[in-house]
Amino acid sequence: MSRRLLALGLLGALVSTPVLAQSCDTRFTFRNASNVTVNEFYFGPSANRNWGRDRLGDGVLPSGRQISFNPGGSGGNYDFRVVWANGETAELMRVNICQASEIIATNSGIEAR
């Protein structure tokens, strides 16, 4: 009887232990569905307060075009920033990169799907 109680106690401890962050598919497509060329695109983990480098590099993303990214890592929340050719900017914060497969620049901002 005591072995059964011990086994049940250990099972209960395992079930109540928080699950550690698991890896996920972090690949996504960035699509420009706006009417303006995207000149700059930034993204990174939400915990990082620095936008880092422009992910388009020397390139731009014209209206109607898309590009794929694979940031790797274990997932979590990511922030995104777009700078259009007309100087307008938009930010989208705390997107679960494990659940979003597409980031879309629109005429009214940025969306995640």
N, C-alpha and C. Protein backbone atom coordinates (compact mmCIF):
# COMPACT_ATOMS: atom_id res chain seq x y z
N MET A 1 0.82 -1.20 0.00
CA MET A 1 0.00 0.00 0.00
C MET A 1 0.86 1.26 0.00
N SER A 2 1.95 1.28 0.79
CA SER A 2 2.79 2.48 0.87
C SER A 2 3.51 2.74 -0.45
N ARG A 3 3.86 1.67 -1.19
CA ARG A 3 4.49 1.86 -2.50
C ARG A 3 3.52 2.52 -3.47
N ARG A 4 2.27 2.12 -3.39
CA ARG A 4 1.26 2.70 -4.26
C ARG A 4 1.08 4.19 -3.95
N LEU A 5 1.06 4.55 -2.69
CA LEU A 5 0.93 5.95 -2.29
C LEU A 5 2.15 6.76 -2.74
N LEU A 6 3.34 6.16 -2.60
CA LEU A 6 4.56 6.83 -3.03
C LEU A 6 4.53 7.07 -4.54
N ALA A 7 4.10 6.06 -5.30
CA ALA A 7 4.01 6.21 -6.76
C ALA A 7 3.01 7.29 -7.13
N LEU A 8 1.87 7.31 -6.46
CA LEU A 8 0.87 8.35 -6.73
C LEU A 8 1.40 9.74 -6.37
N GLY A 9 2.16 9.83 -5.28
CA GLY A 9 2.74 11.10 -4.89
C GLY A 9 3.75 11.60 -5.91
N LEU A 10 4.60 10.70 -6.42
CA LEU A 10 5.57 11.07 -7.44
C LEU A 10 4.88 11.49 -8.73
N LEU A 11 3.84 10.76 -9.10
CA LEU A 11 3.08 11.12 -10.30
C LEU A 11 2.45 12.50 -10.15
N GLY A 12 1.91 12.78 -8.99
CA GLY A 12 1.32 14.10 -8.74
C GLY A 12 2.36 15.20 -8.83
N ALA A 13 3.56 14.94 -8.34
CA ALA A 13 4.62 15.94 -8.40
C ALA A 13 5.03 16.20 -9.84
N LEU A 14 5.08 15.16 -10.66
CA LEU A 14 5.44 15.34 -12.06
C LEU A 14 4.38 16.12 -12.82
N VAL A 15 3.12 15.84 -12.53
CA VAL A 15 2.03 16.53 -13.23
C VAL A 15 1.98 17.99 -12.86
N SER A 16 2.30 18.34 -11.62
CA SER A 16 2.21 19.74 -11.20
C SER A 16 3.47 20.53 -11.49
N THR A 17 4.54 19.87 -11.95
CA THR A 17 5.78 20.57 -12.30
C THR A 17 5.58 21.36 -13.58
N PRO A 18 5.96 22.64 -13.61
CA PRO A 18 5.79 23.43 -14.83
C PRO A 18 6.55 22.82 -16.00
N VAL A 19 5.96 22.89 -17.15
CA VAL A 19 6.60 22.37 -18.35
C VAL A 19 7.62 23.40 -18.84
N LEU A 20 8.82 22.94 -19.14
CA LEU A 20 9.85 23.83 -19.64
C LEU A 20 9.52 24.22 -21.07
N ALA A 21 10.06 25.34 -21.51
CA ALA A 21 9.82 25.82 -22.88
C ALA A 21 10.27 24.75 -23.88
N GLN A 22 9.41 24.47 -24.82
CA GLN A 22 9.72 23.47 -25.82
C GLN A 22 10.02 24.15 -27.14
N SER A 23 10.83 23.50 -27.94
CA SER A 23 11.12 24.03 -29.26
C SER A 23 9.89 23.93 -30.14
N CYS A 24 9.80 24.81 -31.09
CA CYS A 24 8.69 24.81 -32.04
C CYS A 24 9.21 25.28 -33.38
N ASP A 25 8.34 25.25 -34.37
CA ASP A 25 8.70 25.73 -35.69
C ASP A 25 8.59 27.25 -35.68
N THR A 26 9.70 27.94 -35.77
CA THR A 26 9.70 29.41 -35.70
C THR A 26 9.74 30.06 -37.08
N ARG A 27 9.69 29.26 -38.13
CA ARG A 27 9.71 29.83 -39.48
C ARG A 27 8.44 30.62 -39.74
N PHE A 28 8.59 31.73 -40.47
CA PHE A 28 7.42 32.52 -40.85
C PHE A 28 7.70 33.24 -42.16
N THR A 29 6.62 33.67 -42.78
CA THR A 29 6.69 34.44 -44.02
C THR A 29 6.29 35.87 -43.69
N PHE A 30 7.07 36.82 -44.17
CA PHE A 30 6.73 38.24 -44.04
C PHE A 30 6.19 38.68 -45.39
N ARG A 31 4.93 39.13 -45.41
CA ARG A 31 4.27 39.50 -46.66
C ARG A 31 3.91 40.98 -46.63
N ASN A 32 4.19 41.67 -47.71
CA ASN A 32 3.84 43.08 -47.82
C ASN A 32 2.52 43.19 -48.59
N ALA A 33 1.42 43.33 -47.84
CA ALA A 33 0.09 43.49 -48.43
C ALA A 33 -0.32 44.97 -48.44
N SER A 34 0.62 45.86 -48.15
CA SER A 34 0.34 47.29 -48.18
C SER A 34 0.56 47.82 -49.60
N ASN A 35 0.25 49.09 -49.78
CA ASN A 35 0.44 49.73 -51.09
C ASN A 35 1.81 50.38 -51.22
N VAL A 36 2.65 50.26 -50.17
CA VAL A 36 3.94 50.96 -50.12
C VAL A 36 5.06 49.94 -49.92
N THR A 37 6.20 50.17 -50.52
CA THR A 37 7.37 49.31 -50.34
C THR A 37 7.84 49.36 -48.89
N VAL A 38 8.20 48.20 -48.33
CA VAL A 38 8.80 48.14 -46.99
C VAL A 38 10.30 48.30 -47.17
N ASN A 39 10.87 49.31 -46.52
CA ASN A 39 12.31 49.56 -46.59
C ASN A 39 13.09 48.82 -45.51
N GLU A 40 12.46 48.64 -44.33
CA GLU A 40 13.15 48.01 -43.21
C GLU A 40 12.20 47.09 -42.47
N PHE A 41 12.74 45.98 -41.97
CA PHE A 41 11.96 45.01 -41.20
C PHE A 41 12.83 44.49 -40.07
N TYR A 42 12.33 44.60 -38.85
CA TYR A 42 13.05 44.18 -37.65
C TYR A 42 12.20 43.19 -36.88
N PHE A 43 12.86 42.21 -36.25
CA PHE A 43 12.15 41.33 -35.33
C PHE A 43 13.15 40.70 -34.38
N GLY A 44 12.63 40.27 -33.25
CA GLY A 44 13.45 39.58 -32.26
C GLY A 44 12.63 39.25 -31.04
N PRO A 45 13.21 38.46 -30.13
CA PRO A 45 12.50 38.09 -28.91
C PRO A 45 12.04 39.33 -28.14
N SER A 46 10.84 39.27 -27.59
CA SER A 46 10.28 40.40 -26.85
C SER A 46 11.15 40.81 -25.67
N ALA A 47 11.89 39.88 -25.10
CA ALA A 47 12.76 40.18 -23.95
C ALA A 47 13.93 41.08 -24.35
N ASN A 48 14.25 41.12 -25.64
CA ASN A 48 15.35 41.94 -26.14
C ASN A 48 14.82 43.34 -26.43
N ARG A 49 15.34 44.35 -25.79
CA ARG A 49 14.85 45.73 -25.95
C ARG A 49 15.47 46.45 -27.15
N ASN A 50 16.42 45.82 -27.83
CA ASN A 50 17.09 46.43 -28.97
C ASN A 50 16.55 45.78 -30.26
N TRP A 51 16.19 46.58 -31.24
CA TRP A 51 15.66 46.03 -32.49
C TRP A 51 16.71 45.30 -33.30
N GLY A 52 17.98 45.62 -33.10
CA GLY A 52 19.02 44.93 -33.85
C GLY A 52 19.09 45.42 -35.29
N ARG A 53 19.49 44.53 -36.18
CA ARG A 53 19.73 44.91 -37.58
C ARG A 53 18.46 44.78 -38.41
N ASP A 54 18.44 45.52 -39.49
CA ASP A 54 17.35 45.44 -40.47
C ASP A 54 17.44 44.08 -41.15
N ARG A 55 16.40 43.27 -41.05
CA ARG A 55 16.41 41.91 -41.59
C ARG A 55 16.31 41.87 -43.11
N LEU A 56 15.98 42.98 -43.75
CA LEU A 56 15.97 43.04 -45.21
C LEU A 56 17.36 43.38 -45.75
N GLY A 57 18.25 43.79 -44.85
CA GLY A 57 19.61 44.13 -45.26
C GLY A 57 19.62 45.28 -46.24
N ASP A 58 20.28 45.09 -47.37
CA ASP A 58 20.34 46.12 -48.41
C ASP A 58 19.11 46.12 -49.31
N GLY A 59 18.23 45.13 -49.11
CA GLY A 59 17.05 45.00 -49.97
C GLY A 59 15.84 45.73 -49.42
N VAL A 60 14.76 45.66 -50.18
CA VAL A 60 13.46 46.19 -49.78
C VAL A 60 12.42 45.12 -50.13
N LEU A 61 11.19 45.30 -49.65
CA LEU A 61 10.12 44.37 -49.97
C LEU A 61 8.98 45.14 -50.63
N PRO A 62 8.90 45.08 -51.96
CA PRO A 62 7.85 45.79 -52.68
C PRO A 62 6.46 45.27 -52.33
N SER A 63 5.47 46.08 -52.60
CA SER A 63 4.07 45.70 -52.40
C SER A 63 3.78 44.41 -53.16
N GLY A 64 3.06 43.48 -52.49
CA GLY A 64 2.68 42.22 -53.12
C GLY A 64 3.72 41.13 -53.05
N ARG A 65 4.88 41.40 -52.48
CA ARG A 65 5.97 40.40 -52.40
C ARG A 65 6.05 39.84 -50.99
N GLN A 66 6.76 38.74 -50.84
CA GLN A 66 6.97 38.13 -49.54
C GLN A 66 8.36 37.52 -49.44
N ILE A 67 8.79 37.27 -48.21
CA ILE A 67 10.10 36.70 -47.94
C ILE A 67 9.96 35.80 -46.71
N SER A 68 10.72 34.72 -46.67
CA SER A 68 10.66 33.78 -45.54
C SER A 68 11.83 33.98 -44.60
N PHE A 69 11.57 33.74 -43.32
CA PHE A 69 12.60 33.84 -42.28
C PHE A 69 12.53 32.60 -41.40
N ASN A 70 13.67 32.22 -40.85
CA ASN A 70 13.76 31.13 -39.89
C ASN A 70 14.65 31.58 -38.74
N PRO A 71 14.05 32.25 -37.72
CA PRO A 71 14.87 32.77 -36.63
C PRO A 71 15.46 31.69 -35.73
N GLY A 72 14.95 30.46 -35.80
CA GLY A 72 15.45 29.39 -34.93
C GLY A 72 15.07 29.66 -33.49
N GLY A 73 15.81 29.11 -32.58
CA GLY A 73 15.52 29.31 -31.16
C GLY A 73 14.40 28.42 -30.68
N SER A 74 13.97 28.66 -29.46
CA SER A 74 12.97 27.80 -28.83
C SER A 74 11.57 28.41 -28.84
N GLY A 75 11.38 29.47 -29.57
CA GLY A 75 10.04 30.07 -29.65
C GLY A 75 9.85 31.17 -28.63
N GLY A 76 8.61 31.38 -28.23
CA GLY A 76 8.29 32.44 -27.29
C GLY A 76 7.72 33.65 -28.01
N ASN A 77 7.66 34.76 -27.31
CA ASN A 77 7.10 35.99 -27.86
C ASN A 77 8.15 36.81 -28.61
N TYR A 78 7.74 37.31 -29.77
CA TYR A 78 8.60 38.14 -30.61
C TYR A 78 7.92 39.48 -30.89
N ASP A 79 8.74 40.50 -31.11
CA ASP A 79 8.27 41.82 -31.51
C ASP A 79 8.68 42.07 -32.96
N PHE A 80 7.85 42.83 -33.69
CA PHE A 80 8.10 43.11 -35.11
C PHE A 80 7.97 44.60 -35.36
N ARG A 81 8.80 45.12 -36.26
CA ARG A 81 8.76 46.54 -36.62
C ARG A 81 8.97 46.68 -38.12
N VAL A 82 8.14 47.51 -38.74
CA VAL A 82 8.22 47.78 -40.18
C VAL A 82 8.44 49.27 -40.40
N VAL A 83 9.29 49.60 -41.37
CA VAL A 83 9.47 50.99 -41.81
C VAL A 83 9.20 51.00 -43.31
N TRP A 84 8.18 51.76 -43.71
CA TRP A 84 7.82 51.87 -45.12
C TRP A 84 8.64 52.96 -45.81
N ALA A 85 8.64 52.95 -47.13
CA ALA A 85 9.38 53.91 -47.94
C ALA A 85 8.90 55.34 -47.71
N ASN A 86 7.65 55.52 -47.29
CA ASN A 86 7.11 56.86 -47.04
C ASN A 86 7.44 57.37 -45.64
N GLY A 87 8.23 56.60 -44.87
CA GLY A 87 8.65 57.02 -43.53
C GLY A 87 7.73 56.55 -42.42
N GLU A 88 6.56 56.02 -42.75
CA GLU A 88 5.64 55.50 -41.73
C GLU A 88 6.23 54.24 -41.09
N THR A 89 5.90 54.03 -39.81
CA THR A 89 6.36 52.84 -39.09
C THR A 89 5.19 52.17 -38.39
N ALA A 90 5.36 50.91 -38.07
CA ALA A 90 4.38 50.17 -37.27
C ALA A 90 5.11 49.10 -36.48
N GLU A 91 4.57 48.79 -35.31
CA GLU A 91 5.14 47.75 -34.47
C GLU A 91 4.04 46.80 -34.03
N LEU A 92 4.40 45.54 -33.88
CA LEU A 92 3.51 44.51 -33.38
C LEU A 92 4.28 43.77 -32.30
N MET A 93 3.77 43.79 -31.09
CA MET A 93 4.52 43.28 -29.95
C MET A 93 3.93 41.97 -29.41
N ARG A 94 4.83 41.18 -28.84
CA ARG A 94 4.48 39.97 -28.09
C ARG A 94 3.65 38.97 -28.90
N VAL A 95 4.16 38.61 -30.06
CA VAL A 95 3.53 37.60 -30.91
C VAL A 95 4.17 36.25 -30.60
N ASN A 96 3.37 35.26 -30.30
CA ASN A 96 3.90 33.92 -30.06
C ASN A 96 4.38 33.35 -31.39
N ILE A 97 5.68 33.27 -31.56
CA ILE A 97 6.27 32.86 -32.83
C ILE A 97 5.97 31.40 -33.14
N CYS A 98 5.58 30.61 -32.14
CA CYS A 98 5.21 29.21 -32.37
C CYS A 98 3.82 29.11 -33.02
N GLN A 99 3.01 30.13 -32.86
CA GLN A 99 1.64 30.08 -33.38
C GLN A 99 1.46 30.92 -34.64
N ALA A 100 2.38 31.78 -34.94
CA ALA A 100 2.25 32.65 -36.12
C ALA A 100 3.12 32.10 -37.25
N SER A 101 2.54 31.94 -38.42
CA SER A 101 3.31 31.48 -39.57
C SER A 101 3.44 32.58 -40.62
N GLU A 102 2.74 33.70 -40.37
CA GLU A 102 2.79 34.79 -41.34
C GLU A 102 2.69 36.13 -40.62
N ILE A 103 3.58 37.05 -40.97
CA ILE A 103 3.54 38.43 -40.50
C ILE A 103 3.22 39.26 -41.73
N ILE A 104 2.19 40.10 -41.63
CA ILE A 104 1.70 40.82 -42.80
C ILE A 104 1.73 42.33 -42.56
N ALA A 105 2.42 43.05 -43.45
CA ALA A 105 2.38 44.52 -43.44
C ALA A 105 1.14 44.92 -44.25
N THR A 106 0.26 45.69 -43.63
CA THR A 106 -0.96 46.15 -44.30
C THR A 106 -0.95 47.67 -44.36
N ASN A 107 -1.94 48.24 -44.99
CA ASN A 107 -2.03 49.71 -45.04
C ASN A 107 -2.32 50.31 -43.67
N SER A 108 -2.79 49.50 -42.74
CA SER A 108 -3.10 50.03 -41.40
C SER A 108 -2.18 49.52 -40.30
N GLY A 109 -1.12 48.79 -40.64
CA GLY A 109 -0.18 48.32 -39.60
C GLY A 109 0.40 46.96 -39.92
N ILE A 110 0.57 46.15 -38.86
CA ILE A 110 1.13 44.81 -39.00
C ILE A 110 0.18 43.82 -38.34
N GLU A 111 0.00 42.67 -38.97
CA GLU A 111 -0.84 41.60 -38.42
C GLU A 111 -0.03 40.31 -38.36
N ALA A 112 -0.43 39.43 -37.44
CA ALA A 112 0.16 38.09 -37.35
C ALA A 112 -0.94 37.07 -37.56
N ARG A 113 -0.62 36.07 -38.33
CA ARG A 113 -1.59 34.97 -38.55
C ARG A 113 -0.89 33.64 -38.39
